[in-house]
PDB file of N, CA and C in Angstrom:
ATOM      1  N   UNK A   1       7.148 -15.905  33.867  1.00  0.00           N
ATOM      2  CA  UNK A   1       5.805 -16.744  34.843  1.00  0.00           C
ATOM      3  C   UNK A   1       6.534 -18.216  35.057  1.00  0.00           C
ATOM      4  N   UNK A   2       7.788 -18.718  34.230  1.00  0.00           N
ATOM      5  CA  UNK A   2       8.043 -20.309  34.272  1.00  0.00           C
ATOM      6  C   UNK A   2       8.817 -20.368  35.160  1.00  0.00           C
ATOM      7  N   UNK A   3       9.778 -19.234  35.827  1.00  0.00           N
ATOM      8  CA  UNK A   3      10.939 -19.518  36.727  1.00  0.00           C
ATOM      9  C   UNK A   3      10.258 -19.457  38.054  1.00  0.00           C
ATOM     10  N   UNK A   4      10.939 -20.199  38.890  1.00  0.00           N
ATOM     11  CA  UNK A   4      10.449 -20.077  40.466  1.00  0.00           C
ATOM     12  C   UNK A   4      10.573 -18.386  40.960  1.00  0.00           C
ATOM     13  N   UNK A   5       9.694 -18.192  42.044  1.00  0.00           N
ATOM     14  CA  UNK A   5       9.773 -16.699  42.194  1.00  0.00           C
ATOM     15  C   UNK A   5      11.068 -16.246  42.987  1.00  0.00           C
ATOM     16  N   UNK A   6      11.697 -17.198  43.702  1.00  0.00           N
ATOM     17  CA  UNK A   6      13.020 -16.802  44.093  1.00  0.00           C
ATOM     18  C   UNK A   6      14.208 -16.544  43.136  1.00  0.00           C
ATOM     19  N   UNK A   7      13.992 -16.834  41.764  1.00  0.00           N
ATOM     20  CA  UNK A   7      15.049 -16.725  40.886  1.00  0.00           C
ATOM     21  C   UNK A   7      14.542 -15.636  39.791  1.00  0.00           C
ATOM     22  N   UNK A   8      13.338 -15.320  39.931  1.00  0.00           N
ATOM     23  CA  UNK A   8      13.003 -14.238  38.778  1.00  0.00           C
ATOM     24  C   UNK A   8      13.578 -13.064  38.841  1.00  0.00           C
ATOM     25  N   UNK A   9      13.623 -12.451  40.068  1.00  0.00           N
ATOM     26  CA  UNK A   9      14.327 -11.209  40.506  1.00  0.00           C
ATOM     27  C   UNK A   9      15.726 -11.164  39.849  1.00  0.00           C
ATOM     28  N   UNK A  10      16.537 -12.419  40.279  1.00  0.00           N
ATOM     29  CA  UNK A  10      17.928 -12.536  39.774  1.00  0.00           C
ATOM     30  C   UNK A  10      17.895 -12.552  38.334  1.00  0.00           C
ATOM     31  N   UNK A  11      17.225 -13.179  37.890  1.00  0.00           N
ATOM     32  CA  UNK A  11      17.136 -13.317  36.386  1.00  0.00           C
ATOM     33  C   UNK A  11      17.188 -12.202  35.817  1.00  0.00           C
ATOM     34  N   UNK A  12      16.052 -11.262  35.842  1.00  0.00           N
ATOM     35  CA  UNK A  12      15.889  -9.968  35.609  1.00  0.00           C
ATOM     36  C   UNK A  12      17.045  -8.966  35.648  1.00  0.00           C
ATOM     37  N   UNK A  13      17.724  -9.146  36.905  1.00  0.00           N
ATOM     38  CA  UNK A  13      18.786  -8.179  37.134  1.00  0.00           C
ATOM     39  C   UNK A  13      20.057  -8.574  36.879  1.00  0.00           C
ATOM     40  N   UNK A  14      20.345  -9.545  36.692  1.00  0.00           N
ATOM     41  CA  UNK A  14      21.696 -10.410  36.275  1.00  0.00           C
ATOM     42  C   UNK A  14      21.804 -10.766  34.831  1.00  0.00           C
ATOM     43  N   UNK A  15      20.678 -11.218  34.356  1.00  0.00           N
ATOM     44  CA  UNK A  15      20.735 -11.812  32.983  1.00  0.00           C
ATOM     45  C   UNK A  15      20.388 -10.636  31.952  1.00  0.00           C
ATOM     46  N   UNK A  16      18.975 -10.030  32.134  1.00  0.00           N
ATOM     47  CA  UNK A  16      18.424  -9.154  31.157  1.00  0.00           C
ATOM     48  C   UNK A  16      19.088  -7.867  31.361  1.00  0.00           C
ATOM     49  N   UNK A  17      19.797  -7.252  32.284  1.00  0.00           N
ATOM     50  CA  UNK A  17      20.331  -6.148  32.441  1.00  0.00           C
ATOM     51  C   UNK A  17      21.867  -5.971  31.844  1.00  0.00           C
ATOM     52  N   UNK A  18      22.561  -7.029  31.318  1.00  0.00           N
ATOM     53  CA  UNK A  18      23.665  -7.052  31.036  1.00  0.00           C
ATOM     54  C   UNK A  18      24.049  -6.316  29.540  1.00  0.00           C
ATOM     55  N   UNK A  19      22.901  -6.375  28.822  1.00  0.00           N
ATOM     56  CA  UNK A  19      23.221  -5.254  27.480  1.00  0.00           C
ATOM     57  C   UNK A  19      22.980  -3.941  27.683  1.00  0.00           C
ATOM     58  N   UNK A  20      22.105  -3.520  28.644  1.00  0.00           N
ATOM     59  CA  UNK A  20      21.802  -2.243  28.898  1.00  0.00           C
ATOM     60  C   UNK A  20      23.020  -1.653  29.754  1.00  0.00           C
ATOM     61  N   UNK A  21      23.756  -2.563  30.477  1.00  0.00           N
ATOM     62  CA  UNK A  21      25.285  -2.371  31.169  1.00  0.00           C
ATOM     63  C   UNK A  21      26.215  -1.866  30.374  1.00  0.00           C
ATOM     64  N   UNK A  22      26.286  -2.675  29.441  1.00  0.00           N
ATOM     65  CA  UNK A  22      27.347  -2.696  28.343  1.00  0.00           C
ATOM     66  C   UNK A  22      27.219  -1.070  27.586  1.00  0.00           C
ATOM     67  N   UNK A  23      25.833  -1.057  27.029  1.00  0.00           N
ATOM     68  CA  UNK A  23      25.643   0.516  26.551  1.00  0.00           C
ATOM     69  C   UNK A  23      25.838   1.633  27.331  1.00  0.00           C
ATOM     70  N   UNK A  24      25.384   1.751  28.660  1.00  0.00           N
ATOM     71  CA  UNK A  24      25.379   2.695  29.517  1.00  0.00           C
ATOM     72  C   UNK A  24      26.887   2.894  30.131  1.00  0.00           C
ATOM     73  N   UNK A  25      27.426   2.017  30.332  1.00  0.00           N
ATOM     74  CA  UNK A  25      28.974   2.036  30.826  1.00  0.00           C
ATOM     75  C   UNK A  25      29.883   2.287  29.983  1.00  0.00           C
ATOM     76  N   UNK A  26      29.798   1.929  28.814  1.00  0.00           N
ATOM     77  CA  UNK A  26      30.833   1.901  27.818  1.00  0.00           C
ATOM     78  C   UNK A  26      30.677   2.845  26.744  1.00  0.00           C
ATOM     79  N   UNK A  27      29.562   3.893  26.770  1.00  0.00           N
ATOM     80  CA  UNK A  27      29.667   4.667  25.830  1.00  0.00           C
ATOM     81  C   UNK A  27      28.520   5.290  25.499  1.00  0.00           C
ATOM     82  N   UNK A  28      27.509   4.858  25.824  1.00  0.00           N
ATOM     83  CA  UNK A  28      25.937   5.184  25.481  1.00  0.00           C
ATOM     84  C   UNK A  28      25.493   6.622  26.003  1.00  0.00           C
ATOM     85  N   UNK A  29      26.193   6.952  27.050  1.00  0.00           N
ATOM     86  CA  UNK A  29      25.710   8.246  27.512  1.00  0.00           C
ATOM     87  C   UNK A  29      27.146   9.002  27.693  1.00  0.00           C
ATOM     88  N   UNK A  30      28.034   8.675  27.017  1.00  0.00           N
ATOM     89  CA  UNK A  30      29.261   9.476  26.973  1.00  0.00           C
ATOM     90  C   UNK A  30      30.077   9.324  28.099  1.00  0.00           C
ATOM     91  N   UNK A  31      31.315   9.504  28.221  1.00  0.00           N
ATOM     92  CA  UNK A  31      32.356   9.072  29.031  1.00  0.00           C
ATOM     93  C   UNK A  31      32.926   9.953  29.860  1.00  0.00           C
ATOM     94  N   UNK A  32      32.443  11.228  29.814  1.00  0.00           N
ATOM     95  CA  UNK A  32      33.108  12.507  30.392  1.00  0.00           C
ATOM     96  C   UNK A  32      34.215  12.951  29.689  1.00  0.00           C
ATOM     97  N   UNK A  33      35.191  13.777  30.601  1.00  0.00           N
ATOM     98  CA  UNK A  33      36.058  14.441  29.877  1.00  0.00           C
ATOM     99  C   UNK A  33      37.291  13.526  29.220  1.00  0.00           C
ATOM    100  N   UNK A  34      37.479  12.478  30.216  1.00  0.00           N
ATOM    101  CA  UNK A  34      38.525  11.503  29.889  1.00  0.00           C
ATOM    102  C   UNK A  34      37.843  10.369  28.886  1.00  0.00           C
ATOM    103  N   UNK A  35      37.964  10.391  27.551  1.00  0.00           N
ATOM    104  CA  UNK A  35      37.517   9.522  26.712  1.00  0.00           C
ATOM    105  C   UNK A  35      38.381   8.072  26.707  1.00  0.00           C
ATOM    106  N   UNK A  36      37.608   7.070  26.939  1.00  0.00           N
ATOM    107  CA  UNK A  36      38.155   5.826  26.794  1.00  0.00           C
ATOM    108  C   UNK A  36      37.873   4.970  25.786  1.00  0.00           C
ATOM    109  N   UNK A  37      39.113   4.208  25.208  1.00  0.00           N
ATOM    110  CA  UNK A  37      38.695   3.612  23.730  1.00  0.00           C
ATOM    111  C   UNK A  37      38.155   2.154  24.184  1.00  0.00           C
ATOM    112  N   UNK A  38      37.102   2.043  23.642  1.00  0.00           N
ATOM    113  CA  UNK A  38      36.773   0.477  23.934  1.00  0.00           C
ATOM    114  C   UNK A  38      37.087  -0.252  22.684  1.00  0.00           C
ATOM    115  N   UNK A  39      37.429  -1.452  22.977  1.00  0.00           N
ATOM    116  CA  UNK A  39      38.097  -2.516  22.121  1.00  0.00           C
ATOM    117  C   UNK A  39      36.582  -3.217  21.272  1.00  0.00           C
ATOM    118  N   UNK A  40      36.808  -2.849  20.030  1.00  0.00           N
ATOM    119  CA  UNK A  40      35.599  -3.404  19.390  1.00  0.00           C
ATOM    120  C   UNK A  40      34.812  -4.789  19.794  1.00  0.00           C
ATOM    121  N   UNK A  41      35.612  -5.718  20.283  1.00  0.00           N
ATOM    122  CA  UNK A  41      35.209  -6.948  20.961  1.00  0.00           C
ATOM    123  C   UNK A  41      33.948  -6.688  21.658  1.00  0.00           C
ATOM    124  N   UNK A  42      34.001  -5.463  22.364  1.00  0.00           N
ATOM    125  CA  UNK A  42      32.772  -5.550  23.471  1.00  0.00           C
ATOM    126  C   UNK A  42      31.476  -5.063  22.600  1.00  0.00           C
ATOM    127  N   UNK A  43      31.767  -4.349  21.404  1.00  0.00           N
ATOM    128  CA  UNK A  43      30.431  -4.085  20.247  1.00  0.00           C
ATOM    129  C   UNK A  43      30.167  -5.483  19.722  1.00  0.00           C
ATOM    130  N   UNK A  44      30.958  -6.535  19.407  1.00  0.00           N
ATOM    131  CA  UNK A  44      30.497  -7.586  19.128  1.00  0.00           C
ATOM    132  C   UNK A  44      29.985  -8.451  19.932  1.00  0.00           C
ATOM    133  N   UNK A  45      30.326  -8.261  21.255  1.00  0.00           N
ATOM    134  CA  UNK A  45      29.626  -8.871  22.732  1.00  0.00           C
ATOM    135  C   UNK A  45      28.450  -8.323  22.690  1.00  0.00           C
ATOM    136  N   UNK A  46      28.118  -7.100  22.646  1.00  0.00           N
ATOM    137  CA  UNK A  46      26.769  -6.709  22.721  1.00  0.00           C
ATOM    138  C   UNK A  46      25.924  -7.203  21.441  1.00  0.00           C
ATOM    139  N   UNK A  47      26.308  -7.178  20.383  1.00  0.00           N
ATOM    140  CA  UNK A  47      25.568  -7.587  19.255  1.00  0.00           C
ATOM    141  C   UNK A  47      25.323  -9.468  19.432  1.00  0.00           C
ATOM    142  N   UNK A  48      25.857  -9.987  20.001  1.00  0.00           N
ATOM    143  CA  UNK A  48      25.844 -11.492  20.303  1.00  0.00           C
ATOM    144  C   UNK A  48      25.008 -11.443  21.597  1.00  0.00           C
ATOM    145  N   UNK A  49      24.873 -10.851  22.324  1.00  0.00           N
ATOM    146  CA  UNK A  49      23.931 -10.606  23.507  1.00  0.00           C
ATOM    147  C   UNK A  49      22.819 -10.302  22.891  1.00  0.00           C
ATOM    148  N   UNK A  50      22.554  -9.206  22.395  1.00  0.00           N
ATOM    149  CA  UNK A  50      21.391  -8.935  21.732  1.00  0.00           C
ATOM    150  C   UNK A  50      20.570  -9.780  20.964  1.00  0.00           C
ATOM    151  N   UNK A  51      21.720 -10.801  20.075  1.00  0.00           N
ATOM    152  CA  UNK A  51      20.851 -11.671  19.261  1.00  0.00           C
ATOM    153  C   UNK A  51      20.409 -12.845  19.938  1.00  0.00           C
ATOM    154  N   UNK A  52      21.118 -13.207  21.377  1.00  0.00           N
ATOM    155  CA  UNK A  52      20.640 -14.315  22.241  1.00  0.00           C
ATOM    156  C   UNK A  52      19.465 -14.044  22.721  1.00  0.00           C
ATOM    157  N   UNK A  53      19.253 -12.726  23.271  1.00  0.00           N
ATOM    158  CA  UNK A  53      17.826 -12.144  23.783  1.00  0.00           C
ATOM    159  C   UNK A  53      16.848 -12.191  22.678  1.00  0.00           C
ATOM    160  N   UNK A  54      16.968 -11.704  21.468  1.00  0.00           N
ATOM    161  CA  UNK A  54      16.044 -12.021  20.236  1.00  0.00           C
ATOM    162  C   UNK A  54      15.572 -13.337  20.323  1.00  0.00           C
ATOM    163  N   UNK A  55      16.539 -14.374  20.446  1.00  0.00           N
ATOM    164  CA  UNK A  55      16.255 -15.711  20.192  1.00  0.00           C
ATOM    165  C   UNK A  55      15.534 -16.351  21.280  1.00  0.00           C
ATOM    166  N   UNK A  56      15.854 -15.879  22.583  1.00  0.00           N
ATOM    167  CA  UNK A  56      15.095 -16.091  23.661  1.00  0.00           C
ATOM    168  C   UNK A  56      13.534 -16.010  23.623  1.00  0.00           C
ATOM    169  N   UNK A  57      13.494 -14.511  23.450  1.00  0.00           N
ATOM    170  CA  UNK A  57      11.933 -13.701  23.282  1.00  0.00           C
ATOM    171  C   UNK A  57      11.054 -14.400  22.339  1.00  0.00           C
ATOM    172  N   UNK A  58      11.735 -14.861  21.155  1.00  0.00           N
ATOM    173  CA  UNK A  58      10.874 -15.184  20.146  1.00  0.00           C
ATOM    174  C   UNK A  58      10.795 -17.008  20.626  1.00  0.00           C
ATOM    175  N   UNK A  59      11.549 -17.665  20.812  1.00  0.00           N
ATOM    176  CA  UNK A  59      11.270 -18.727  21.446  1.00  0.00           C
ATOM    177  C   UNK A  59      10.034 -19.085  22.577  1.00  0.00           C
ATOM    178  N   UNK A  60      10.289 -17.927  23.485  1.00  0.00           N
ATOM    179  CA  UNK A  60       9.163 -17.962  24.653  1.00  0.00           C
ATOM    180  C   UNK A  60       7.748 -17.494  23.866  1.00  0.00           C
ATOM    181  N   UNK A  61       7.920 -16.682  22.940  1.00  0.00           N
ATOM    182  CA  UNK A  61       6.551 -16.193  22.325  1.00  0.00           C
ATOM    183  C   UNK A  61       6.178 -17.528  21.656  1.00  0.00           C
ATOM    184  N   UNK A  62       6.794 -18.188  21.129  1.00  0.00           N
ATOM    185  CA  UNK A  62       6.451 -19.616  20.091  1.00  0.00           C
ATOM    186  C   UNK A  62       5.784 -20.405  21.198  1.00  0.00           C
ATOM    187  N   UNK A  63       6.674 -20.726  22.185  1.00  0.00           N
ATOM    188  CA  UNK A  63       6.196 -21.574  23.411  1.00  0.00           C
ATOM    189  C   UNK A  63       4.930 -21.279  23.928  1.00  0.00           C
ATOM    190  N   UNK A  64       4.566 -20.242  24.108  1.00  0.00           N
ATOM    191  CA  UNK A  64       3.277 -19.352  24.632  1.00  0.00           C
ATOM    192  C   UNK A  64       2.189 -19.559  23.639  1.00  0.00           C
ATOM    193  N   UNK A  65       2.243 -19.380  22.172  1.00  0.00           N
ATOM    194  CA  UNK A  65       1.269 -18.982  21.552  1.00  0.00           C
ATOM    195  C   UNK A  65       0.939 -20.688  20.767  1.00  0.00           C
ATOM    196  N   UNK A  66      -0.506 -20.650  20.717  1.00  0.00           N
ATOM    197  CA  UNK A  66      -1.052 -21.860  20.006  1.00  0.00           C
ATOM    198  C   UNK A  66      -0.638 -21.766  18.251  1.00  0.00           C
ATOM    199  N   UNK A  67      -0.354 -22.924  17.991  1.00  0.00           N
ATOM    200  CA  UNK A  67      -0.008 -23.079  16.509  1.00  0.00           C
ATOM    201  C   UNK A  67      -1.163 -22.928  15.650  1.00  0.00           C
ATOM    202  N   UNK A  68      -0.973 -22.275  14.603  1.00  0.00           N
ATOM    203  CA  UNK A  68      -2.231 -22.473  13.580  1.00  0.00           C
ATOM    204  C   UNK A  68      -2.467 -23.680  13.060  1.00  0.00           C
ATOM    205  N   UNK A  69      -3.853 -23.641  12.818  1.00  0.00           N
ATOM    206  CA  UNK A  69      -4.211 -25.240  12.195  1.00  0.00           C
ATOM    207  C   UNK A  69      -3.533 -25.252  11.282  1.00  0.00           C
ATOM    208  N   UNK A  70      -3.172 -26.566  10.839  1.00  0.00           N
ATOM    209  CA  UNK A  70      -2.545 -27.049   9.559  1.00  0.00           C
ATOM    210  C   UNK A  70      -3.516 -26.787   8.266  1.00  0.00           C
ATOM    211  N   UNK A  71      -2.925 -26.644   7.183  1.00  0.00           N
ATOM    212  CA  UNK A  71      -3.606 -26.317   6.017  1.00  0.00           C
ATOM    213  C   UNK A  71      -3.847 -27.642   5.688  1.00  0.00           C
ATOM    214  N   UNK A  72      -5.186 -27.873   5.012  1.00  0.00           N
ATOM    215  CA  UNK A  72      -5.623 -29.154   4.562  1.00  0.00           C
ATOM    216  C   UNK A  72      -4.986 -29.316   3.138  1.00  0.00           C
ATOM    217  N   UNK A  73      -4.790 -30.477   3.014  1.00  0.00           N
ATOM    218  CA  UNK A  73      -4.177 -31.237   1.817  1.00  0.00           C
ATOM    219  C   UNK A  73      -5.261 -31.029   0.535  1.00  0.00           C
ATOM    220  N   UNK A  74      -4.352 -30.618  -0.447  1.00  0.00           N
ATOM    221  CA  UNK A  74      -5.169 -30.398  -1.502  1.00  0.00           C
ATOM    222  C   UNK A  74      -4.777 -31.464  -2.838  1.00  0.00           C
ATOM    223  N   UNK A  75      -5.849 -31.811  -3.624  1.00  0.00           N
ATOM    224  CA  UNK A  75      -5.598 -32.569  -4.549  1.00  0.00           C
ATOM    225  C   UNK A  75      -4.851 -32.069  -5.803  1.00  0.00           C
ATOM    226  N   UNK A  76      -3.692 -32.384  -6.318  1.00  0.00           N
ATOM    227  CA  UNK A  76      -3.054 -31.745  -7.645  1.00  0.00           C
ATOM    228  C   UNK A  76      -4.148 -31.498  -8.467  1.00  0.00           C
ATOM    229  N   UNK A  77      -3.929 -30.619  -9.216  1.00  0.00           N
ATOM    230  CA  UNK A  77      -4.947 -30.054 -10.540  1.00  0.00           C
ATOM    231  C   UNK A  77      -4.797 -31.060 -11.678  1.00  0.00           C
ATOM    232  N   UNK A  78      -5.583 -31.433 -12.225  1.00  0.00           N
ATOM    233  CA  UNK A  78      -5.354 -32.226 -13.458  1.00  0.00           C
ATOM    234  C   UNK A  78      -4.125 -32.026 -14.525  1.00  0.00           C
ATOM    235  N   UNK A  79      -3.977 -30.617 -14.731  1.00  0.00           N
ATOM    236  CA  UNK A  79      -2.691 -30.281 -15.564  1.00  0.00           C
ATOM    237  C   UNK A  79      -1.428 -30.406 -14.884  1.00  0.00           C
ATOM    238  N   UNK A  80      -1.301 -30.584 -13.706  1.00  0.00           N
ATOM    239  CA  UNK A  80      -0.013 -30.889 -12.930  1.00  0.00           C
ATOM    240  C   UNK A  80       0.272 -32.251 -12.919  1.00  0.00           C
ATOM    241  N   UNK A  81      -0.569 -33.053 -13.588  1.00  0.00           N
ATOM    242  CA  UNK A  81      -0.251 -34.810 -13.404  1.00  0.00           C
ATOM    243  C   UNK A  81       0.136 -34.803 -15.006  1.00  0.00           C
ATOM    244  N   UNK A  82       0.090 -34.001 -15.843  1.00  0.00           N
ATOM    245  CA  UNK A  82       0.466 -34.365 -17.311  1.00  0.00           C
ATOM    246  C   UNK A  82       1.659 -34.159 -17.285  1.00  0.00           C
ATOM    247  N   UNK A  83       2.479 -35.038 -18.324  1.00  0.00           N
ATOM    248  CA  UNK A  83       3.971 -34.803 -18.784  1.00  0.00           C
ATOM    249  C   UNK A  83       4.193 -33.790 -19.815  1.00  0.00           C
ATOM    250  N   UNK A  84       3.355 -33.033 -20.106  1.00  0.00           N
ATOM    251  CA  UNK A  84       3.616 -31.903 -21.195  1.00  0.00           C
ATOM    252  C   UNK A  84       4.491 -30.781 -20.366  1.00  0.00           C
ATOM    253  N   UNK A  85       5.524 -30.162 -21.232  1.00  0.00           N
ATOM    254  CA  UNK A  85       6.050 -28.963 -20.820  1.00  0.00           C
ATOM    255  C   UNK A  85       5.340 -27.890 -20.533  1.00  0.00           C
ATOM    256  N   UNK A  86       5.558 -27.081 -19.276  1.00  0.00           N
ATOM    257  CA  UNK A  86       4.393 -26.243 -19.226  1.00  0.00           C
ATOM    258  C   UNK A  86       4.844 -24.766 -19.953  1.00  0.00           C
ATOM    259  N   UNK A  87       5.816 -24.685 -20.813  1.00  0.00           N
ATOM    260  CA  UNK A  87       6.017 -23.400 -21.593  1.00  0.00           C
ATOM    261  C   UNK A  87       6.241 -23.960 -23.121  1.00  0.00           C
TER     262      UNK A  87
END
């Protein structure tokens, strides 16, 4: 919702559909009678795109979520302040 209306559809169609395009066109649904060997670099590209999408989605989730309240500071226990070896 944070993109202008004119850009939203293009972002969805052009950016977010890159990974499904790689899967569907390069072997996810088969290639028919003529098998085409796909170089491994395209698999690496798909992994990197998926990682970028995960990073983006996590960042957007954190951006929209309210952070949890900070934990209150606690005073150290008396035994933590001694110089004795704990074992």
